[in-house]
Amino acid sequence: MPKRFRAAFPVALAMLGVAAIVTPALAADEDCPDHPRSEWMSQDAITTKAKEQGYDVRGVKADDGCWQVKGYDKDGKRVQLYYDPVSGEILKVQN
């Protein structure tokens, strides 16, 4: 191994280790709970919930274990909301 790479190798290895620890933790924050589909709130119920929270709902679909709601917030900004399908809790908001 050339001399210039020997000095950088420990740093690169440390960065790789940090990435291996941090990446799964970040991904876990975005994952939806693993609930059986039979326990999910109905699409109509999640639509109603989003509307009651002030969103102008334009579409609702199941997405990777969450209800994904597309629409607009009270300021007219486009949003995507990800709801826990059982509790109805908002897990993530994307603008």
PDB file of N, CA and C in Angstrom:
ATOM      1  N   MET A   1       0.854  -1.169   0.000  1.00  0.00           N
ATOM      2  CA  MET A   1       0.000   0.000   0.000  1.00  0.00           C
ATOM      3  C   MET A   1       0.907   1.242   0.000  1.00  0.00           C
ATOM      4  N   PRO A   2       0.654   2.192  -0.910  1.00  0.00           N
ATOM      5  CA  PRO A   2       1.475   3.407  -0.939  1.00  0.00           C
ATOM      6  C   PRO A   2       1.386   4.168   0.387  1.00  0.00           C
ATOM      7  N   LYS A   3       2.451   4.886   0.692  1.00  0.00           N
ATOM      8  CA  LYS A   3       2.562   5.598   1.961  1.00  0.00           C
ATOM      9  C   LYS A   3       1.417   6.592   2.186  1.00  0.00           C
ATOM     10  N   ARG A   4       1.014   7.294   1.132  1.00  0.00           N
ATOM     11  CA  ARG A   4      -0.036   8.310   1.297  1.00  0.00           C
ATOM     12  C   ARG A   4      -1.382   7.684   1.667  1.00  0.00           C
ATOM     13  N   PHE A   5      -1.631   6.450   1.246  1.00  0.00           N
ATOM     14  CA  PHE A   5      -2.877   5.773   1.576  1.00  0.00           C
ATOM     15  C   PHE A   5      -2.854   5.187   2.979  1.00  0.00           C
ATOM     16  N   ARG A   6      -1.660   4.843   3.473  1.00  0.00           N
ATOM     17  CA  ARG A   6      -1.549   4.275   4.812  1.00  0.00           C
ATOM     18  C   ARG A   6      -2.036   5.258   5.872  1.00  0.00           C
ATOM     19  N   ALA A   7      -1.773   6.521   5.680  1.00  0.00           N
ATOM     20  CA  ALA A   7      -2.201   7.527   6.653  1.00  0.00           C
ATOM     21  C   ALA A   7      -3.713   7.738   6.612  1.00  0.00           C
ATOM     22  N   ALA A   8      -4.304   7.632   5.436  1.00  0.00           N
ATOM     23  CA  ALA A   8      -5.739   7.867   5.285  1.00  0.00           C
ATOM     24  C   ALA A   8      -6.579   6.644   5.649  1.00  0.00           C
ATOM     25  N   PHE A   9      -5.990   5.477   5.638  1.00  0.00           N
ATOM     26  CA  PHE A   9      -6.731   4.241   5.859  1.00  0.00           C
ATOM     27  C   PHE A   9      -7.450   4.204   7.208  1.00  0.00           C
ATOM     28  N   PRO A  10      -6.781   4.543   8.329  1.00  0.00           N
ATOM     29  CA  PRO A  10      -7.495   4.516   9.620  1.00  0.00           C
ATOM     30  C   PRO A  10      -8.676   5.487   9.670  1.00  0.00           C
ATOM     31  N   VAL A  11      -8.522   6.646   9.040  1.00  0.00           N
ATOM     32  CA  VAL A  11      -9.607   7.631   9.020  1.00  0.00           C
ATOM     33  C   VAL A  11     -10.786   7.081   8.219  1.00  0.00           C
ATOM     34  N   ALA A  12     -10.502   6.526   7.054  1.00  0.00           N
ATOM     35  CA  ALA A  12     -11.564   5.957   6.218  1.00  0.00           C
ATOM     36  C   ALA A  12     -12.262   4.807   6.939  1.00  0.00           C
ATOM     37  N   LEU A  13     -11.503   3.989   7.614  1.00  0.00           N
ATOM     38  CA  LEU A  13     -12.079   2.865   8.352  1.00  0.00           C
ATOM     39  C   LEU A  13     -12.983   3.363   9.482  1.00  0.00           C
ATOM     40  N   ALA A  14     -12.559   4.405  10.182  1.00  0.00           N
ATOM     41  CA  ALA A  14     -13.379   4.969  11.257  1.00  0.00           C
ATOM     42  C   ALA A  14     -14.680   5.550  10.702  1.00  0.00           C
ATOM     43  N   MET A  15     -14.596   6.244   9.561  1.00  0.00           N
ATOM     44  CA  MET A  15     -15.796   6.823   8.944  1.00  0.00           C
ATOM     45  C   MET A  15     -16.767   5.721   8.515  1.00  0.00           C
ATOM     46  N   LEU A  16     -16.233   4.652   7.988  1.00  0.00           N
ATOM     47  CA  LEU A  16     -17.074   3.524   7.587  1.00  0.00           C
ATOM     48  C   LEU A  16     -17.788   2.930   8.799  1.00  0.00           C
ATOM     49  N   GLY A  17     -17.066   2.824   9.913  1.00  0.00           N
ATOM     50  CA  GLY A  17     -17.678   2.310  11.139  1.00  0.00           C
ATOM     51  C   GLY A  17     -18.807   3.188  11.641  1.00  0.00           C
ATOM     52  N   VAL A  18     -18.608   4.496  11.606  1.00  0.00           N
ATOM     53  CA  VAL A  18     -19.650   5.435  12.035  1.00  0.00           C
ATOM     54  C   VAL A  18     -20.859   5.329  11.116  1.00  0.00           C
ATOM     55  N   ALA A  19     -20.625   5.249   9.815  1.00  0.00           N
ATOM     56  CA  ALA A  19     -21.728   5.125   8.857  1.00  0.00           C
ATOM     57  C   ALA A  19     -22.512   3.842   9.089  1.00  0.00           C
ATOM     58  N   ALA A  20     -21.822   2.766   9.413  1.00  0.00           N
ATOM     59  CA  ALA A  20     -22.498   1.491   9.658  1.00  0.00           C
ATOM     60  C   ALA A  20     -23.397   1.550  10.885  1.00  0.00           C
ATOM     61  N   ILE A  21     -23.037   2.364  11.863  1.00  0.00           N
ATOM     62  CA  ILE A  21     -23.837   2.494  13.081  1.00  0.00           C
ATOM     63  C   ILE A  21     -24.987   3.472  12.879  1.00  0.00           C
ATOM     64  N   VAL A  22     -24.713   4.597  12.234  1.00  0.00           N
ATOM     65  CA  VAL A  22     -25.697   5.666  12.106  1.00  0.00           C
ATOM     66  C   VAL A  22     -26.766   5.357  11.069  1.00  0.00           C
ATOM     67  N   THR A  23     -26.418   4.771   9.951  1.00  0.00           N
ATOM     68  CA  THR A  23     -27.371   4.544   8.863  1.00  0.00           C
ATOM     69  C   THR A  23     -28.582   3.721   9.292  1.00  0.00           C
ATOM     70  N   PRO A  24     -28.421   2.572   9.951  1.00  0.00           N
ATOM     71  CA  PRO A  24     -29.616   1.840  10.380  1.00  0.00           C
ATOM     72  C   PRO A  24     -30.475   2.622  11.363  1.00  0.00           C
ATOM     73  N   ALA A  25     -29.855   3.420  12.221  1.00  0.00           N
ATOM     74  CA  ALA A  25     -30.626   4.214  13.182  1.00  0.00           C
ATOM     75  C   ALA A  25     -31.469   5.251  12.455  1.00  0.00           C
ATOM     76  N   LEU A  26     -30.930   5.878  11.448  1.00  0.00           N
ATOM     77  CA  LEU A  26     -31.691   6.859  10.685  1.00  0.00           C
ATOM     78  C   LEU A  26     -32.807   6.193   9.906  1.00  0.00           C
ATOM     79  N   ALA A  27     -32.527   5.061   9.314  1.00  0.00           N
ATOM     80  CA  ALA A  27     -33.547   4.353   8.540  1.00  0.00           C
ATOM     81  C   ALA A  27     -34.688   3.899   9.442  1.00  0.00           C
ATOM     82  N   ALA A  28     -34.388   3.505  10.661  1.00  0.00           N
ATOM     83  CA  ALA A  28     -35.418   3.026  11.572  1.00  0.00           C
ATOM     84  C   ALA A  28     -36.422   4.124  11.896  1.00  0.00           C
ATOM     85  N   ASP A  29     -35.972   5.389  11.922  1.00  0.00           N
ATOM     86  CA  ASP A  29     -36.874   6.496  12.212  1.00  0.00           C
ATOM     87  C   ASP A  29     -37.949   6.637  11.147  1.00  0.00           C
ATOM     88  N   GLU A  30     -37.643   6.246   9.926  1.00  0.00           N
ATOM     89  CA  GLU A  30     -38.580   6.419   8.829  1.00  0.00           C
ATOM     90  C   GLU A  30     -39.469   5.201   8.609  1.00  0.00           C
ATOM     91  N   ASP A  31     -39.143   4.099   9.229  1.00  0.00           N
ATOM     92  CA  ASP A  31     -39.923   2.881   9.036  1.00  0.00           C
ATOM     93  C   ASP A  31     -41.250   2.972   9.758  1.00  0.00           C
ATOM     94  N   CYS A  32     -42.231   2.394   9.135  1.00  0.00           N
ATOM     95  CA  CYS A  32     -43.542   2.318   9.759  1.00  0.00           C
ATOM     96  C   CYS A  32     -43.618   1.046  10.592  1.00  0.00           C
ATOM     97  N   PRO A  33     -44.438   1.052  11.622  1.00  0.00           N
ATOM     98  CA  PRO A  33     -44.589  -0.141  12.451  1.00  0.00           C
ATOM     99  C   PRO A  33     -45.128  -1.305  11.629  1.00  0.00           C
ATOM    100  N   ASP A  34     -44.813  -2.488  12.063  1.00  0.00           N
ATOM    101  CA  ASP A  34     -45.253  -3.690  11.353  1.00  0.00           C
ATOM    102  C   ASP A  34     -46.557  -4.189  11.972  1.00  0.00           C
ATOM    103  N   HIS A  35     -47.677  -3.640  11.499  1.00  0.00           N
ATOM    104  CA  HIS A  35     -48.990  -4.036  11.996  1.00  0.00           C
ATOM    105  C   HIS A  35     -49.691  -4.887  10.946  1.00  0.00           C
ATOM    106  N   PRO A  36     -50.420  -5.920  11.371  1.00  0.00           N
ATOM    107  CA  PRO A  36     -51.221  -6.674  10.407  1.00  0.00           C
ATOM    108  C   PRO A  36     -52.241  -5.759   9.737  1.00  0.00           C
ATOM    109  N   ARG A  37     -52.458  -5.980   8.477  1.00  0.00           N
ATOM    110  CA  ARG A  37     -53.373  -5.118   7.710  1.00  0.00           C
ATOM    111  C   ARG A  37     -54.776  -5.120   8.321  1.00  0.00           C
ATOM    112  N   SER A  38     -55.156  -6.203   8.971  1.00  0.00           N
ATOM    113  CA  SER A  38     -56.491  -6.291   9.581  1.00  0.00           C
ATOM    114  C   SER A  38     -56.680  -5.297  10.724  1.00  0.00           C
ATOM    115  N   GLU A  39     -55.580  -4.768  11.283  1.00  0.00           N
ATOM    116  CA  GLU A  39     -55.655  -3.819  12.393  1.00  0.00           C
ATOM    117  C   GLU A  39     -55.641  -2.360  11.927  1.00  0.00           C
ATOM    118  N   TRP A  40     -55.414  -2.132  10.655  1.00  0.00           N
ATOM    119  CA  TRP A  40     -55.272  -0.772  10.141  1.00  0.00           C
ATOM    120  C   TRP A  40     -56.581  -0.002  10.200  1.00  0.00           C
ATOM    121  N   MET A  41     -56.460   1.320  10.383  1.00  0.00           N
ATOM    122  CA  MET A  41     -57.595   2.218  10.212  1.00  0.00           C
ATOM    123  C   MET A  41     -57.978   2.173   8.729  1.00  0.00           C
ATOM    124  N   SER A  42     -59.218   2.435   8.443  1.00  0.00           N
ATOM    125  CA  SER A  42     -59.653   2.435   7.045  1.00  0.00           C
ATOM    126  C   SER A  42     -59.083   3.661   6.325  1.00  0.00           C
ATOM    127  N   GLN A  43     -59.088   3.589   5.011  1.00  0.00           N
ATOM    128  CA  GLN A  43     -58.625   4.719   4.204  1.00  0.00           C
ATOM    129  C   GLN A  43     -59.515   5.943   4.445  1.00  0.00           C
ATOM    130  N   ASP A  44     -60.810   5.708   4.577  1.00  0.00           N
ATOM    131  CA  ASP A  44     -61.738   6.810   4.865  1.00  0.00           C
ATOM    132  C   ASP A  44     -61.437   7.447   6.223  1.00  0.00           C
ATOM    133  N   ALA A  45     -61.110   6.611   7.218  1.00  0.00           N
ATOM    134  CA  ALA A  45     -60.819   7.133   8.561  1.00  0.00           C
ATOM    135  C   ALA A  45     -59.551   7.983   8.560  1.00  0.00           C
ATOM    136  N   ILE A  46     -58.523   7.550   7.845  1.00  0.00           N
ATOM    137  CA  ILE A  46     -57.281   8.321   7.816  1.00  0.00           C
ATOM    138  C   ILE A  46     -57.473   9.609   7.019  1.00  0.00           C
ATOM    139  N   THR A  47     -58.318   9.551   5.977  1.00  0.00           N
ATOM    140  CA  THR A  47     -58.635  10.754   5.199  1.00  0.00           C
ATOM    141  C   THR A  47     -59.346  11.773   6.082  1.00  0.00           C
ATOM    142  N   THR A  48     -60.322  11.307   6.838  1.00  0.00           N
ATOM    143  CA  THR A  48     -61.063  12.180   7.748  1.00  0.00           C
ATOM    144  C   THR A  48     -60.136  12.787   8.786  1.00  0.00           C
ATOM    145  N   LYS A  49     -59.250  11.969   9.346  1.00  0.00           N
ATOM    146  CA  LYS A  49     -58.307  12.448  10.361  1.00  0.00           C
ATOM    147  C   LYS A  49     -57.427  13.565   9.795  1.00  0.00           C
ATOM    148  N   ALA A  50     -56.894  13.367   8.602  1.00  0.00           N
ATOM    149  CA  ALA A  50     -56.031  14.381   7.978  1.00  0.00           C
ATOM    150  C   ALA A  50     -56.807  15.675   7.719  1.00  0.00           C
ATOM    151  N   LYS A  51     -58.042  15.534   7.264  1.00  0.00           N
ATOM    152  CA  LYS A  51     -58.864  16.727   7.011  1.00  0.00           C
ATOM    153  C   LYS A  51     -59.156  17.470   8.310  1.00  0.00           C
ATOM    154  N   GLU A  52     -59.423  16.724   9.383  1.00  0.00           N
ATOM    155  CA  GLU A  52     -59.675  17.340  10.687  1.00  0.00           C
ATOM    156  C   GLU A  52     -58.439  18.071  11.216  1.00  0.00           C
ATOM    157  N   GLN A  53     -57.261  17.635  10.772  1.00  0.00           N
ATOM    158  CA  GLN A  53     -56.013  18.278  11.185  1.00  0.00           C
ATOM    159  C   GLN A  53     -55.684  19.485  10.298  1.00  0.00           C
ATOM    160  N   GLY A  54     -56.571  19.788   9.351  1.00  0.00           N
ATOM    161  CA  GLY A  54     -56.400  20.985   8.538  1.00  0.00           C
ATOM    162  C   GLY A  54     -55.757  20.782   7.182  1.00  0.00           C
ATOM    163  N   TYR A  55     -55.588  19.538   6.754  1.00  0.00           N
ATOM    164  CA  TYR A  55     -54.971  19.268   5.458  1.00  0.00           C
ATOM    165  C   TYR A  55     -56.032  19.143   4.370  1.00  0.00           C
ATOM    166  N   ASP A  56     -55.711  19.663   3.199  1.00  0.00           N
ATOM    167  CA  ASP A  56     -56.537  19.499   2.008  1.00  0.00           C
ATOM    168  C   ASP A  56     -56.038  18.228   1.330  1.00  0.00           C
ATOM    169  N   VAL A  57     -56.745  17.135   1.538  1.00  0.00           N
ATOM    170  CA  VAL A  57     -56.301  15.816   1.097  1.00  0.00           C
ATOM    171  C   VAL A  57     -56.587  15.630  -0.392  1.00  0.00           C
ATOM    172  N   ARG A  58     -55.552  15.215  -1.122  1.00  0.00           N
ATOM    173  CA  ARG A  58     -55.687  14.962  -2.562  1.00  0.00           C
ATOM    174  C   ARG A  58     -55.502  13.493  -2.918  1.00  0.00           C
ATOM    175  N   GLY A  59     -54.924  12.716  -2.001  1.00  0.00           N
ATOM    176  CA  GLY A  59     -54.733  11.301  -2.271  1.00  0.00           C
ATOM    177  C   GLY A  59     -54.262  10.559  -1.037  1.00  0.00           C
ATOM    178  N   VAL A  60     -54.680   9.297  -0.929  1.00  0.00           N
ATOM    179  CA  VAL A  60     -54.279   8.443   0.189  1.00  0.00           C
ATOM    180  C   VAL A  60     -53.956   7.072  -0.365  1.00  0.00           C
ATOM    181  N   LYS A  61     -52.816   6.509   0.062  1.00  0.00           N
ATOM    182  CA  LYS A  61     -52.472   5.150  -0.351  1.00  0.00           C
ATOM    183  C   LYS A  61     -51.615   4.496   0.726  1.00  0.00           C
ATOM    184  N   ALA A  62     -51.598   3.182   0.714  1.00  0.00           N
ATOM    185  CA  ALA A  62     -50.728   2.432   1.606  1.00  0.00           C
ATOM    186  C   ALA A  62     -49.326   2.464   1.011  1.00  0.00           C
ATOM    187  N   ASP A  63     -48.323   2.763   1.859  1.00  0.00           N
ATOM    188  CA  ASP A  63     -46.945   2.860   1.383  1.00  0.00           C
ATOM    189  C   ASP A  63     -45.993   2.331   2.437  1.00  0.00           C
ATOM    190  N   ASP A  64     -45.411   1.175   2.192  1.00  0.00           N
ATOM    191  CA  ASP A  64     -44.419   0.566   3.091  1.00  0.00           C
ATOM    192  C   ASP A  64     -44.870   0.496   4.539  1.00  0.00           C
ATOM    193  N   GLY A  65     -46.100   0.107   4.767  1.00  0.00           N
ATOM    194  CA  GLY A  65     -46.597  -0.078   6.125  1.00  0.00           C
ATOM    195  C   GLY A  65     -47.197   1.155   6.761  1.00  0.00           C
ATOM    196  N   CYS A  66     -47.296   2.247   6.019  1.00  0.00           N
ATOM    197  CA  CYS A  66     -47.921   3.478   6.505  1.00  0.00           C
ATOM    198  C   CYS A  66     -49.062   3.864   5.582  1.00  0.00           C
ATOM    199  N   TRP A  67     -49.926   4.723   6.087  1.00  0.00           N
ATOM    200  CA  TRP A  67     -50.838   5.432   5.198  1.00  0.00           C
ATOM    201  C   TRP A  67     -50.092   6.671   4.747  1.00  0.00           C
ATOM    202  N   GLN A  68     -49.979   6.856   3.440  1.00  0.00           N
ATOM    203  CA  GLN A  68     -49.368   8.057   2.886  1.00  0.00           C
ATOM    204  C   GLN A  68     -50.485   8.960   2.393  1.00  0.00           C
ATOM    205  N   VAL A  69     -50.483  10.189   2.887  1.00  0.00           N
ATOM    206  CA  VAL A  69     -51.502  11.160   2.503  1.00  0.00           C
ATOM    207  C   VAL A  69     -50.800  12.296   1.767  1.00  0.00           C
ATOM    208  N   LYS A  70     -51.260  12.578   0.559  1.00  0.00           N
ATOM    209  CA  LYS A  70     -50.731  13.705  -0.211  1.00  0.00           C
ATOM    210  C   LYS A  70     -51.779  14.800  -0.235  1.00  0.00           C
ATOM    211  N   GLY A  71     -51.312  16.025  -0.095  1.00  0.00           N
ATOM    212  CA  GLY A  71     -52.240  17.141  -0.125  1.00  0.00           C
ATOM    213  C   GLY A  71     -51.542  18.447   0.138  1.00  0.00           C
ATOM    214  N   TYR A  72     -52.275  19.377   0.742  1.00  0.00           N
ATOM    215  CA  TYR A  72     -51.776  20.721   1.018  1.00  0.00           C
ATOM    216  C   TYR A  72     -52.055  21.083   2.467  1.00  0.00           C
ATOM    217  N   ASP A  73     -51.106  21.817   3.064  1.00  0.00           N
ATOM    218  CA  ASP A  73     -51.326  22.269   4.438  1.00  0.00           C
ATOM    219  C   ASP A  73     -52.151  23.551   4.432  1.00  0.00           C
ATOM    220  N   LYS A  74     -52.384  24.112   5.612  1.00  0.00           N
ATOM    221  CA  LYS A  74     -53.256  25.294   5.730  1.00  0.00           C
ATOM    222  C   LYS A  74     -52.687  26.519   5.018  1.00  0.00           C
ATOM    223  N   ASP A  75     -51.362  26.509   4.737  1.00  0.00           N
ATOM    224  CA  ASP A  75     -50.731  27.619   4.032  1.00  0.00           C
ATOM    225  C   ASP A  75     -50.666  27.389   2.526  1.00  0.00           C
ATOM    226  N   GLY A  76     -51.254  26.291   2.073  1.00  0.00           N
ATOM    227  CA  GLY A  76     -51.257  25.983   0.652  1.00  0.00           C
ATOM    228  C   GLY A  76     -49.993  25.309   0.148  1.00  0.00           C
ATOM    229  N   LYS A  77     -49.130  24.873   1.069  1.00  0.00           N
ATOM    230  CA  LYS A  77     -47.900  24.184   0.681  1.00  0.00           C
ATOM    231  C   LYS A  77     -48.170  22.692   0.525  1.00  0.00           C
ATOM    232  N   ARG A  78     -47.581  22.119  -0.520  1.00  0.00           N
ATOM    233  CA  ARG A  78     -47.745  20.695  -0.787  1.00  0.00           C
ATOM    234  C   ARG A  78     -47.046  19.866   0.291  1.00  0.00           C
ATOM    235  N   VAL A  79     -47.708  18.815   0.775  1.00  0.00           N
ATOM    236  CA  VAL A  79     -47.133  17.948   1.803  1.00  0.00           C
ATOM    237  C   VAL A  79     -47.432  16.487   1.512  1.00  0.00           C
ATOM    238  N   GLN A  80     -46.566  15.653   2.047  1.00  0.00           N
ATOM    239  CA  GLN A  80     -46.815  14.210   2.115  1.00  0.00           C
ATOM    240  C   GLN A  80     -46.710  13.839   3.585  1.00  0.00           C
ATOM    241  N   LEU A  81     -47.744  13.212   4.081  1.00  0.00           N
ATOM    242  CA  LEU A  81     -47.796  12.808   5.480  1.00  0.00           C
ATOM    243  C   LEU A  81     -47.771  11.285   5.544  1.00  0.00           C
ATOM    244  N   TYR A  82     -47.051  10.765   6.514  1.00  0.00           N
ATOM    245  CA  TYR A  82     -47.016   9.324   6.725  1.00  0.00           C
ATOM    246  C   TYR A  82     -47.603   9.044   8.102  1.00  0.00           C
ATOM    247  N   TYR A  83     -48.702   8.303   8.113  1.00  0.00           N
ATOM    248  CA  TYR A  83     -49.425   8.001   9.342  1.00  0.00           C
ATOM    249  C   TYR A  83     -49.201   6.557   9.763  1.00  0.00           C
ATOM    250  N   ASP A  84     -49.071   6.362  11.090  1.00  0.00           N
ATOM    251  CA  ASP A  84     -49.124   5.012  11.634  1.00  0.00           C
ATOM    252  C   ASP A  84     -50.520   4.495  11.321  1.00  0.00           C
ATOM    253  N   PRO A  85     -50.633   3.333  10.685  1.00  0.00           N
ATOM    254  CA  PRO A  85     -51.931   2.869  10.229  1.00  0.00           C
ATOM    255  C   PRO A  85     -52.872   2.403  11.335  1.00  0.00           C
ATOM    256  N   VAL A  86     -52.369   2.185  12.539  1.00  0.00           N
ATOM    257  CA  VAL A  86     -53.207   1.731  13.643  1.00  0.00           C
ATOM    258  C   VAL A  86     -53.554   2.889  14.583  1.00  0.00           C
ATOM    259  N   SER A  87     -52.549   3.648  14.990  1.00  0.00           N
ATOM    260  CA  SER A  87     -52.792   4.741  15.948  1.00  0.00           C
ATOM    261  C   SER A  87     -53.251   6.028  15.266  1.00  0.00           C
ATOM    262  N   GLY A  88     -52.919   6.185  13.984  1.00  0.00           N
ATOM    263  CA  GLY A  88     -53.243   7.419  13.282  1.00  0.00           C
ATOM    264  C   GLY A  88     -52.281   8.558  13.582  1.00  0.00           C
ATOM    265  N   GLU A  89     -51.173   8.250  14.267  1.00  0.00           N
ATOM    266  CA  GLU A  89     -50.159   9.246  14.593  1.00  0.00           C
ATOM    267  C   GLU A  89     -49.353   9.600  13.338  1.00  0.00           C
ATOM    268  N   ILE A  90     -49.068  10.888  13.161  1.00  0.00           N
ATOM    269  CA  ILE A  90     -48.217  11.302  12.043  1.00  0.00           C
ATOM    270  C   ILE A  90     -46.774  10.932  12.400  1.00  0.00           C
ATOM    271  N   LEU A  91     -46.160  10.140  11.532  1.00  0.00           N
ATOM    272  CA  LEU A  91     -44.781   9.696  11.755  1.00  0.00           C
ATOM    273  C   LEU A  91     -43.770  10.549  11.015  1.00  0.00           C
ATOM    274  N   LYS A  92     -44.210  11.132   9.893  1.00  0.00           N
ATOM    275  CA  LYS A  92     -43.277  11.890   9.066  1.00  0.00           C
ATOM    276  C   LYS A  92     -44.052  12.865   8.208  1.00  0.00           C
ATOM    277  N   VAL A  93     -43.500  14.048   8.000  1.00  0.00           N
ATOM    278  CA  VAL A  93     -44.087  15.059   7.112  1.00  0.00           C
ATOM    279  C   VAL A  93     -42.995  15.482   6.136  1.00  0.00           C
ATOM    280  N   GLN A  94     -43.306  15.398   4.855  1.00  0.00           N
ATOM    281  CA  GLN A  94     -42.384  15.874   3.818  1.00  0.00           C
ATOM    282  C   GLN A  94     -43.036  17.028   3.087  1.00  0.00           C
ATOM    283  N   ASN A  95     -42.265  18.064   2.847  1.00  0.00           N
ATOM    284  CA  ASN A  95     -42.760  19.203   2.074  1.00  0.00           C
ATOM    285  C   ASN A  95     -42.253  19.116   0.657  1.00  0.00           C
TER     286      ASN A  95
END
